[in-house]
Amino acid sequence: MSTKIRKANYDDDMFNDWGIHHFHLGAGFQRNGFVTRSGDLVYAWVTRDRLHMIDALPHNQWTRDALLEIVHQNWPGIIAHARALGVVAGSLRPIWTGEGREKGRKLFVLPWQASDGTVYLPPGGGAAVGGVALHVGRRIARVLNYVYGLERWCEEHKEKLRDDLGAQHLPELRLQLVQELDHWFVRETQVSRQFRLESPLPI
């Protein structure tokens, strides 16, 4: 896989659009734990219990229609969720390919048409403007809504929080959202006391 996956702001445009992963081939490992790089990549669709190997090809095949065509021909069930229901087969215009699709992925949710005319919405979910995956954007929005609501609750119940946290002497509370293992807490940083959130963050 790409070493960029360690970066929180990394967006894999092909994965976001088509749901296809790419894996580097190699016989050893680098110091960073990633496989040594070779000329070809394995392009694959990954499910919970299977790896559907599509093809082994050089780099930069990010918009090669044949990859998604192979998935459509061999495992249509794994992308059935993305079929554009009610759309007339073969009616997609324009057809986004090559450089046009590569640029368009950061601007639009692009449909795709198979050789038999079947039209799909992005099997990978698509991306918002700027290239951020739509499903990531939705999760971010849920978390922000939760945090804003929690902030309002803390403001409305600050006197109770002072009592519960032993912070009556403080002129103002300084609260911080922290995670420990699988649990989230609100911590008052000046007295180093915290309370656990009953409901988990929606992530």
Protein backbone atom coordinates (compact mmCIF):
# COMPACT_ATOMS: atom_id res chain seq x y z
CA MET A 1 0.00 0.00 0.00
CA SER A 2 1.04 3.60 -0.30
CA THR A 3 3.27 4.94 2.46
CA LYS A 4 1.02 8.01 2.43
CA ILE A 5 -1.71 6.15 4.32
CA ARG A 6 0.01 7.26 7.55
CA LYS A 7 -0.94 10.84 6.73
CA ALA A 8 -4.35 11.79 8.07
CA ASN A 9 -5.04 14.09 5.11
CA TYR A 10 -4.10 11.56 2.42
CA ASP A 11 -6.79 10.84 -0.16
CA ASP A 12 -6.55 7.88 -2.54
CA ASP A 13 -8.55 9.16 -5.49
CA MET A 14 -9.00 5.76 -7.17
CA PHE A 15 -10.14 4.15 -3.93
CA ASN A 16 -12.55 6.99 -3.15
CA ASP A 17 -14.03 6.76 -6.64
CA TRP A 18 -13.95 3.07 -7.52
CA GLY A 19 -13.23 1.36 -4.19
CA ILE A 20 -10.14 -0.32 -5.67
CA HIS A 21 -7.01 -0.74 -3.54
CA HIS A 22 -3.47 -1.00 -4.86
CA PHE A 23 -0.70 -3.05 -3.29
CA HIS A 24 3.01 -2.87 -3.99
CA LEU A 25 4.81 -6.08 -4.85
CA GLY A 26 8.15 -6.93 -3.28
CA ALA A 27 10.20 -9.67 -1.68
CA GLY A 28 11.29 -7.81 1.44
CA PHE A 29 10.45 -4.99 3.79
CA GLN A 30 11.72 -1.47 4.20
CA ARG A 31 12.66 -0.01 7.57
CA ASN A 32 9.31 1.76 7.72
CA GLY A 33 7.54 -1.62 7.61
CA PHE A 34 6.26 -1.31 4.05
CA VAL A 35 7.07 -3.82 1.33
CA THR A 36 10.01 -2.99 -0.93
CA ARG A 37 8.82 -1.39 -4.13
CA SER A 38 8.80 -3.10 -7.51
CA GLY A 39 7.59 -2.05 -10.93
CA ASP A 40 4.08 -3.49 -10.78
CA LEU A 41 1.15 -3.13 -8.44
CA VAL A 42 -1.68 -5.50 -7.62
CA TYR A 43 -5.04 -3.80 -8.04
CA ALA A 44 -7.70 -5.44 -5.87
CA TRP A 45 -11.12 -5.11 -4.29
CA VAL A 46 -11.09 -5.91 -0.58
CA THR A 47 -14.06 -7.19 1.40
CA ARG A 48 -14.23 -8.31 5.03
CA ASP A 49 -13.15 -11.86 4.24
CA ARG A 50 -11.79 -11.84 0.69
CA LEU A 51 -9.24 -10.20 -1.55
CA HIS A 52 -10.46 -10.01 -5.14
CA MET A 53 -7.29 -9.64 -7.22
CA ILE A 54 -8.17 -7.69 -10.35
CA ASP A 55 -4.86 -7.33 -12.21
CA ALA A 56 -1.12 -6.73 -11.87
CA LEU A 57 -0.13 -3.61 -13.75
CA PRO A 58 2.39 -0.77 -13.62
CA HIS A 59 1.87 2.37 -11.56
CA ASN A 60 -0.44 5.15 -12.64
CA GLN A 61 -3.34 3.01 -13.81
CA TRP A 62 -5.64 5.01 -11.56
CA THR A 63 -8.27 5.66 -14.24
CA ARG A 64 -7.98 2.44 -16.26
CA ASP A 65 -11.59 1.48 -17.00
CA ALA A 66 -10.62 -2.15 -17.55
CA LEU A 67 -10.04 -2.54 -13.79
CA LEU A 68 -13.62 -1.75 -12.85
CA GLU A 69 -14.83 -3.64 -15.91
CA ILE A 70 -13.16 -6.79 -14.55
CA VAL A 71 -14.97 -6.33 -11.25
CA HIS A 72 -18.27 -5.81 -13.09
CA GLN A 73 -17.79 -8.92 -15.23
CA ASN A 74 -16.53 -11.26 -12.50
CA TRP A 75 -17.96 -10.08 -9.18
CA PRO A 76 -20.92 -7.80 -9.92
CA GLY A 77 -22.36 -8.46 -6.50
CA ILE A 78 -19.63 -6.56 -4.67
CA ILE A 79 -20.45 -3.33 -6.51
CA ALA A 80 -24.20 -3.90 -6.87
CA HIS A 81 -24.80 -1.27 -4.18
CA ALA A 82 -23.53 1.38 -6.61
CA ARG A 83 -25.73 0.53 -9.60
CA ALA A 84 -27.68 3.57 -10.79
CA LEU A 85 -31.20 2.18 -10.60
CA GLY A 86 -33.67 3.48 -13.15
CA VAL A 87 -30.98 4.77 -15.51
CA VAL A 88 -31.29 3.61 -19.12
CA ALA A 89 -28.38 1.32 -19.99
CA GLY A 90 -25.83 2.98 -22.25
CA SER A 91 -27.24 6.48 -21.72
CA LEU A 92 -24.35 7.96 -19.74
CA ARG A 93 -22.99 11.16 -21.27
CA PRO A 94 -20.29 12.32 -21.12
CA ILE A 95 -18.05 9.31 -20.53
CA TRP A 96 -15.32 10.23 -18.08
CA THR A 97 -12.05 8.49 -18.89
CA GLY A 98 -8.31 9.02 -18.50
CA GLU A 99 -7.16 12.52 -17.65
CA GLY A 100 -10.72 13.82 -17.56
CA ARG A 101 -11.70 11.37 -14.83
CA GLU A 102 -8.49 12.00 -12.91
CA LYS A 103 -9.19 15.74 -12.75
CA GLY A 104 -12.92 15.33 -12.30
CA ARG A 105 -12.54 13.10 -9.25
CA LYS A 106 -11.61 16.13 -7.16
CA LEU A 107 -14.56 18.17 -8.41
CA PHE A 108 -17.55 15.89 -8.94
CA VAL A 109 -19.17 12.58 -8.05
CA LEU A 110 -18.51 10.79 -11.33
CA PRO A 111 -20.67 7.93 -12.64
CA TRP A 112 -19.14 5.10 -14.65
CA GLN A 113 -20.51 2.96 -17.47
CA ALA A 114 -19.58 -0.68 -18.12
CA SER A 115 -19.18 -2.14 -21.61
CA ASP A 116 -22.69 -3.62 -21.47
CA GLY A 117 -24.17 -0.21 -20.67
CA THR A 118 -24.67 -0.73 -16.93
CA VAL A 119 -24.27 2.61 -15.15
CA TYR A 120 -22.76 2.89 -11.68
CA LEU A 121 -22.42 5.66 -9.20
CA PRO A 122 -18.96 5.65 -7.54
CA PRO A 123 -18.55 2.17 -5.97
CA GLY A 124 -16.06 3.72 -3.55
CA GLY A 125 -18.57 6.34 -2.45
CA GLY A 126 -17.10 9.29 -4.31
CA ALA A 127 -15.36 12.41 -3.06
CA ALA A 128 -16.32 15.94 -2.16
CA VAL A 129 -14.69 19.04 -3.63
CA GLY A 130 -10.99 18.87 -2.79
CA GLY A 131 -10.81 15.08 -2.94
CA VAL A 132 -11.98 14.16 0.58
CA ALA A 133 -13.96 10.92 0.56
CA LEU A 134 -17.68 11.55 1.03
CA HIS A 135 -17.99 8.91 3.74
CA VAL A 136 -15.13 10.61 5.62
CA GLY A 137 -16.82 13.98 5.26
CA ARG A 138 -20.05 12.56 6.68
CA ARG A 139 -18.21 11.10 9.66
CA ILE A 140 -16.45 14.40 10.29
CA ALA A 141 -19.80 16.19 10.23
CA ARG A 142 -21.28 13.72 12.73
CA VAL A 143 -18.33 14.15 15.09
CA LEU A 144 -18.46 17.95 14.86
CA ASN A 145 -22.20 17.98 15.56
CA TYR A 146 -21.63 15.74 18.57
CA VAL A 147 -18.78 17.91 19.89
CA TYR A 148 -20.76 21.13 19.42
CA GLY A 149 -23.67 19.60 21.31
CA LEU A 150 -21.33 18.43 24.08
CA GLU A 151 -19.85 21.92 24.30
CA ARG A 152 -23.32 23.43 24.74
CA TRP A 153 -24.19 20.84 27.41
CA CYS A 154 -21.02 21.63 29.36
CA GLU A 155 -21.78 25.35 29.22
CA GLU A 156 -25.34 24.80 30.44
CA HIS A 157 -24.19 22.52 33.28
CA LYS A 158 -20.93 24.20 34.23
CA GLU A 159 -21.90 24.72 37.88
CA LYS A 160 -22.67 21.04 38.32
CA LEU A 161 -19.40 20.22 36.59
CA ARG A 162 -17.54 22.46 39.03
CA ASP A 163 -19.00 20.47 41.92
CA ASP A 164 -18.45 17.06 40.34
CA LEU A 165 -14.87 17.84 39.33
CA GLY A 166 -13.90 19.67 42.52
CA ALA A 167 -13.25 22.85 40.58
CA GLN A 168 -15.40 25.35 42.55
CA HIS A 169 -12.38 27.59 43.17
CA LEU A 170 -11.58 28.10 39.50
CA PRO A 171 -12.72 31.31 37.78
CA GLU A 172 -13.34 29.37 34.58
CA LEU A 173 -13.29 25.77 33.45
CA ARG A 174 -10.82 24.58 30.85
CA LEU A 175 -12.23 21.41 29.38
CA GLN A 176 -10.60 19.03 26.97
CA LEU A 177 -11.95 16.03 25.05
CA VAL A 178 -9.61 13.06 25.48
CA GLN A 179 -9.55 9.39 24.54
CA GLU A 180 -8.19 6.57 26.67
CA LEU A 181 -8.30 3.12 25.12
CA ASP A 182 -11.85 2.77 23.76
CA HIS A 183 -13.44 5.42 25.97
CA TRP A 184 -13.86 9.18 25.67
CA PHE A 185 -13.67 11.62 28.58
CA VAL A 186 -14.08 15.32 29.23
CA ARG A 187 -11.15 16.46 31.36
CA GLU A 188 -10.74 19.65 33.37
CA THR A 189 -7.07 20.36 32.69
CA GLN A 190 -6.43 22.59 35.72
CA VAL A 191 -7.47 20.00 38.32
CA SER A 192 -6.71 16.94 36.15
CA ARG A 193 -10.12 15.38 36.79
CA GLN A 194 -12.47 13.99 34.22
CA PHE A 195 -15.78 12.31 33.57
CA ARG A 196 -16.55 9.58 31.10
CA LEU A 197 -18.98 10.11 28.25
CA GLU A 198 -21.84 7.66 28.36
CA SER A 199 -22.35 7.61 24.59
CA PRO A 200 -19.35 7.09 22.27
CA LEU A 201 -18.35 9.58 19.63
CA PRO A 202 -20.14 8.80 16.37
CA ILE A 203 -17.03 7.71 14.48
